[in-house]
Amino acid sequence: MIELERMRPWPMPPSAGVTLRAAAHRISCEVGPVQRPSRAVFVPVRHTDSRLAVLAGGRAFPGVHLAADIDVQADQDLRWRVARRFINDGFSIMAQADLSSVRPATSEVADIVIGTRLGLSPVHRGGALEAVEMRLDDLTAAQVNAGVDSAFMADFRSAEPAETLLMTDVGVRWRPVGHRGPRHG
């Protein structure tokens, strides 16, 4: 789950940026030659409260985005509730993080989640994957106790959520790195 503020193409000024919230499942994977694979994450779809992201996702920038209602509440806990908008297909995510449980993230999972720069997402019409490189200005994360209920993950017998990491006030830059797989149409 992510909240992006002042999101804009470079070199536009921050004041021209938009704010959006989105939720996605990041699935760890490896790409490249078997002898020297690279870590990556596969994001099958993103759910967002932004009409712009729904219209432009998978077209003007990587990643297909579907319309969702996203409710965020923050007090002693941080609660996210995500449900598809317009379609009742059973998709939902509910997460609650105990902000009083924040501690430094030092595990291998944190290294993978924060250190993985390559993200793969389907193009809007399917049949190919787009790759994007993510650069973070700060690689510091905190681990928090959280509960996650995901209809998507419930469909996989062996899927388990990784530990929950919290990053705040981090500058992020994305750079397309081309397509992986066949191009269609």
Protein backbone atom coordinates (compact mmCIF):
# COMPACT_ATOMS: atom_id res chain seq x y z
CA MET A 1 0.00 0.00 0.00
CA ILE A 2 1.36 3.35 -0.98
CA GLU A 3 0.43 6.99 -0.82
CA LEU A 4 2.20 9.15 -3.37
CA GLU A 5 2.27 12.91 -3.12
CA ARG A 6 3.46 15.36 -5.77
CA MET A 7 3.71 12.56 -8.37
CA ARG A 8 4.67 14.03 -11.73
CA PRO A 9 6.87 13.49 -14.76
CA TRP A 10 10.32 14.98 -14.52
CA PRO A 11 11.11 17.94 -14.93
CA MET A 12 7.70 19.31 -13.85
CA PRO A 13 7.70 21.19 -10.53
CA PRO A 14 6.32 19.52 -7.38
CA SER A 15 3.36 21.91 -7.37
CA ALA A 16 2.16 20.30 -10.65
CA GLY A 17 2.07 16.83 -9.07
CA VAL A 18 -0.94 14.79 -8.02
CA THR A 19 -1.63 12.71 -4.93
CA LEU A 20 -2.90 9.16 -5.11
CA ARG A 21 -3.25 6.08 -2.99
CA ALA A 22 -2.76 2.61 -4.38
CA ALA A 23 -2.53 -0.97 -3.25
CA ALA A 24 -0.76 -3.80 -5.05
CA HIS A 25 0.62 -7.24 -4.42
CA ARG A 26 4.36 -7.43 -5.11
CA ILE A 27 5.41 -10.98 -5.95
CA SER A 28 9.14 -11.69 -5.66
CA CYS A 29 10.70 -13.25 -8.75
CA GLU A 30 13.97 -13.61 -10.61
CA VAL A 31 14.64 -12.58 -14.21
CA GLY A 32 17.53 -12.95 -16.60
CA PRO A 33 19.94 -15.79 -17.30
CA VAL A 34 19.77 -18.81 -15.01
CA GLN A 35 23.46 -18.41 -14.20
CA ARG A 36 23.06 -14.81 -13.03
CA PRO A 37 19.41 -13.99 -12.31
CA SER A 38 18.39 -10.59 -11.01
CA ARG A 39 15.82 -10.00 -8.29
CA ALA A 40 12.61 -8.35 -9.37
CA VAL A 41 9.01 -7.98 -8.29
CA PHE A 42 5.99 -8.78 -10.41
CA VAL A 43 2.94 -6.57 -9.84
CA PRO A 44 -0.07 -8.06 -11.67
CA VAL A 45 -2.36 -5.07 -11.05
CA ARG A 46 -2.63 -1.99 -8.88
CA HIS A 47 -5.81 -0.71 -7.26
CA THR A 48 -6.06 3.06 -6.91
CA ASP A 49 -8.34 5.92 -5.97
CA SER A 50 -6.89 8.03 -8.82
CA ARG A 51 -8.90 8.41 -12.05
CA LEU A 52 -5.74 9.63 -13.80
CA ALA A 53 -3.83 6.46 -12.86
CA VAL A 54 -6.73 4.28 -14.07
CA LEU A 55 -6.77 6.08 -17.44
CA ALA A 56 -2.99 6.34 -17.94
CA GLY A 57 -1.71 3.20 -16.17
CA GLY A 58 -0.26 0.66 -18.57
CA ARG A 59 -0.38 3.29 -21.32
CA ALA A 60 1.46 6.51 -20.38
CA PHE A 61 3.34 4.90 -17.50
CA PRO A 62 3.86 1.28 -16.42
CA GLY A 63 1.29 -0.71 -14.55
CA VAL A 64 -2.39 -1.37 -15.07
CA HIS A 65 -4.49 0.37 -12.42
CA LEU A 66 -8.08 -0.49 -11.50
CA ALA A 67 -10.47 1.86 -9.72
CA ALA A 68 -10.81 1.21 -6.01
CA ASP A 69 -12.15 2.85 -2.90
CA ILE A 70 -9.32 3.29 -0.44
CA ASP A 71 -9.93 4.33 3.13
CA VAL A 72 -6.94 5.19 5.33
CA GLN A 73 -7.08 5.99 9.01
CA ALA A 74 -4.08 6.81 11.15
CA ASP A 75 -3.96 7.24 14.90
CA GLN A 76 -2.17 4.72 17.14
CA ASP A 77 -2.70 2.25 14.31
CA LEU A 78 -2.52 2.67 10.57
CA ARG A 79 -5.52 1.07 8.84
CA TRP A 80 -5.99 0.60 5.10
CA ARG A 81 -9.17 -0.75 3.57
CA VAL A 82 -9.23 -1.34 -0.20
CA ALA A 83 -12.18 -2.55 -2.26
CA ARG A 84 -12.78 -2.55 -6.01
CA ARG A 85 -14.96 0.26 -7.24
CA PHE A 86 -17.87 -0.49 -9.62
CA ILE A 87 -17.25 -4.26 -9.63
CA ASN A 88 -17.99 -6.60 -6.76
CA ASP A 89 -15.55 -9.38 -7.64
CA GLY A 90 -14.57 -10.19 -4.08
CA PHE A 91 -11.26 -8.30 -4.25
CA SER A 92 -10.39 -6.66 -0.98
CA ILE A 93 -7.43 -5.87 1.22
CA MET A 94 -7.55 -4.89 4.84
CA ALA A 95 -4.38 -4.09 6.75
CA GLN A 96 -3.78 -2.75 10.20
CA ALA A 97 -0.33 -1.83 11.49
CA ASP A 98 0.41 -1.18 15.15
CA LEU A 99 2.44 2.04 15.02
CA SER A 100 3.58 1.55 18.61
CA SER A 101 5.46 -1.60 17.49
CA VAL A 102 7.87 0.18 15.12
CA ARG A 103 11.42 -1.24 15.20
CA PRO A 104 14.35 -1.20 12.76
CA ALA A 105 13.96 -3.52 9.77
CA THR A 106 17.04 -5.72 9.50
CA SER A 107 15.87 -8.98 7.96
CA GLU A 108 16.63 -10.55 4.59
CA VAL A 109 13.03 -9.80 3.58
CA ALA A 110 13.60 -6.09 4.21
CA ASP A 111 16.76 -6.20 2.09
CA ILE A 112 14.84 -7.83 -0.75
CA VAL A 113 11.80 -5.54 -0.54
CA ILE A 114 13.78 -2.33 -0.27
CA GLY A 115 16.74 -3.38 -2.41
CA THR A 116 14.79 -4.74 -5.38
CA ARG A 117 14.81 -2.06 -8.05
CA LEU A 118 13.24 -3.84 -11.03
CA GLY A 119 9.45 -4.08 -11.21
CA LEU A 120 7.50 -5.94 -13.90
CA SER A 121 3.88 -5.20 -14.76
CA PRO A 122 1.55 -6.21 -17.59
CA VAL A 123 0.85 -3.69 -20.32
CA HIS A 124 -2.76 -2.53 -20.59
CA ARG A 125 -3.76 -5.00 -23.32
CA GLY A 126 -1.78 -7.90 -21.85
CA GLY A 127 0.63 -10.19 -23.68
CA ALA A 128 3.77 -8.33 -22.60
CA LEU A 129 5.42 -7.03 -19.49
CA GLU A 130 6.80 -3.57 -18.89
CA ALA A 131 9.84 -3.13 -16.72
CA VAL A 132 10.51 -0.12 -14.54
CA GLU A 133 13.43 0.68 -12.30
CA MET A 134 12.64 2.20 -8.91
CA ARG A 135 15.17 4.38 -7.11
CA LEU A 136 14.55 5.37 -3.50
CA ASP A 137 16.25 8.37 -1.90
CA ASP A 138 16.25 6.64 1.48
CA LEU A 139 16.55 2.90 2.09
CA THR A 140 15.50 3.10 5.73
CA ALA A 141 12.42 1.16 6.74
CA ALA A 142 10.81 0.20 10.01
CA GLN A 143 9.21 -3.13 10.73
CA VAL A 144 5.76 -3.02 12.31
CA ASN A 145 3.37 -5.64 13.62
CA ALA A 146 0.50 -5.86 11.19
CA GLY A 147 -2.38 -8.01 10.15
CA VAL A 148 -3.21 -8.33 6.47
CA ASP A 149 -6.33 -9.92 5.02
CA SER A 150 -6.13 -10.24 1.23
CA ALA A 151 -8.63 -12.01 -1.01
CA PHE A 152 -5.90 -12.23 -3.67
CA MET A 153 -3.48 -14.07 -1.38
CA ALA A 154 -6.22 -16.39 -0.15
CA ASP A 155 -6.31 -17.93 -3.65
CA PHE A 156 -2.76 -19.28 -3.25
CA ARG A 157 -2.16 -22.25 -0.94
CA SER A 158 1.43 -21.38 -0.10
CA ALA A 159 1.26 -17.57 -0.17
CA GLU A 160 2.17 -15.81 3.02
CA PRO A 161 2.58 -12.09 3.51
CA ALA A 162 6.11 -10.92 4.17
CA GLU A 163 6.82 -8.84 7.23
CA THR A 164 5.25 -5.41 7.13
CA LEU A 165 7.61 -2.52 6.47
CA LEU A 166 6.85 1.15 6.92
CA MET A 167 8.65 3.87 4.97
CA THR A 168 7.69 7.53 5.24
CA ASP A 169 8.73 10.71 3.47
CA VAL A 170 10.85 8.93 0.86
CA GLY A 171 11.64 10.40 -2.53
CA VAL A 172 11.10 7.90 -5.34
CA ARG A 173 12.00 7.98 -9.02
CA TRP A 174 10.80 5.46 -11.62
CA ARG A 175 12.49 4.94 -14.97
CA PRO A 176 11.13 2.67 -17.72
CA VAL A 177 13.69 0.08 -18.83
CA GLY A 178 11.80 -1.44 -21.77
CA HIS A 179 9.51 -4.35 -22.43
CA ARG A 180 10.04 -7.97 -21.44
CA GLY A 181 8.31 -10.43 -23.72
CA PRO A 182 6.46 -10.11 -27.03
CA ARG A 183 4.80 -6.88 -28.06
CA HIS A 184 1.24 -7.05 -29.32
CA GLY A 185 -0.83 -4.69 -31.43
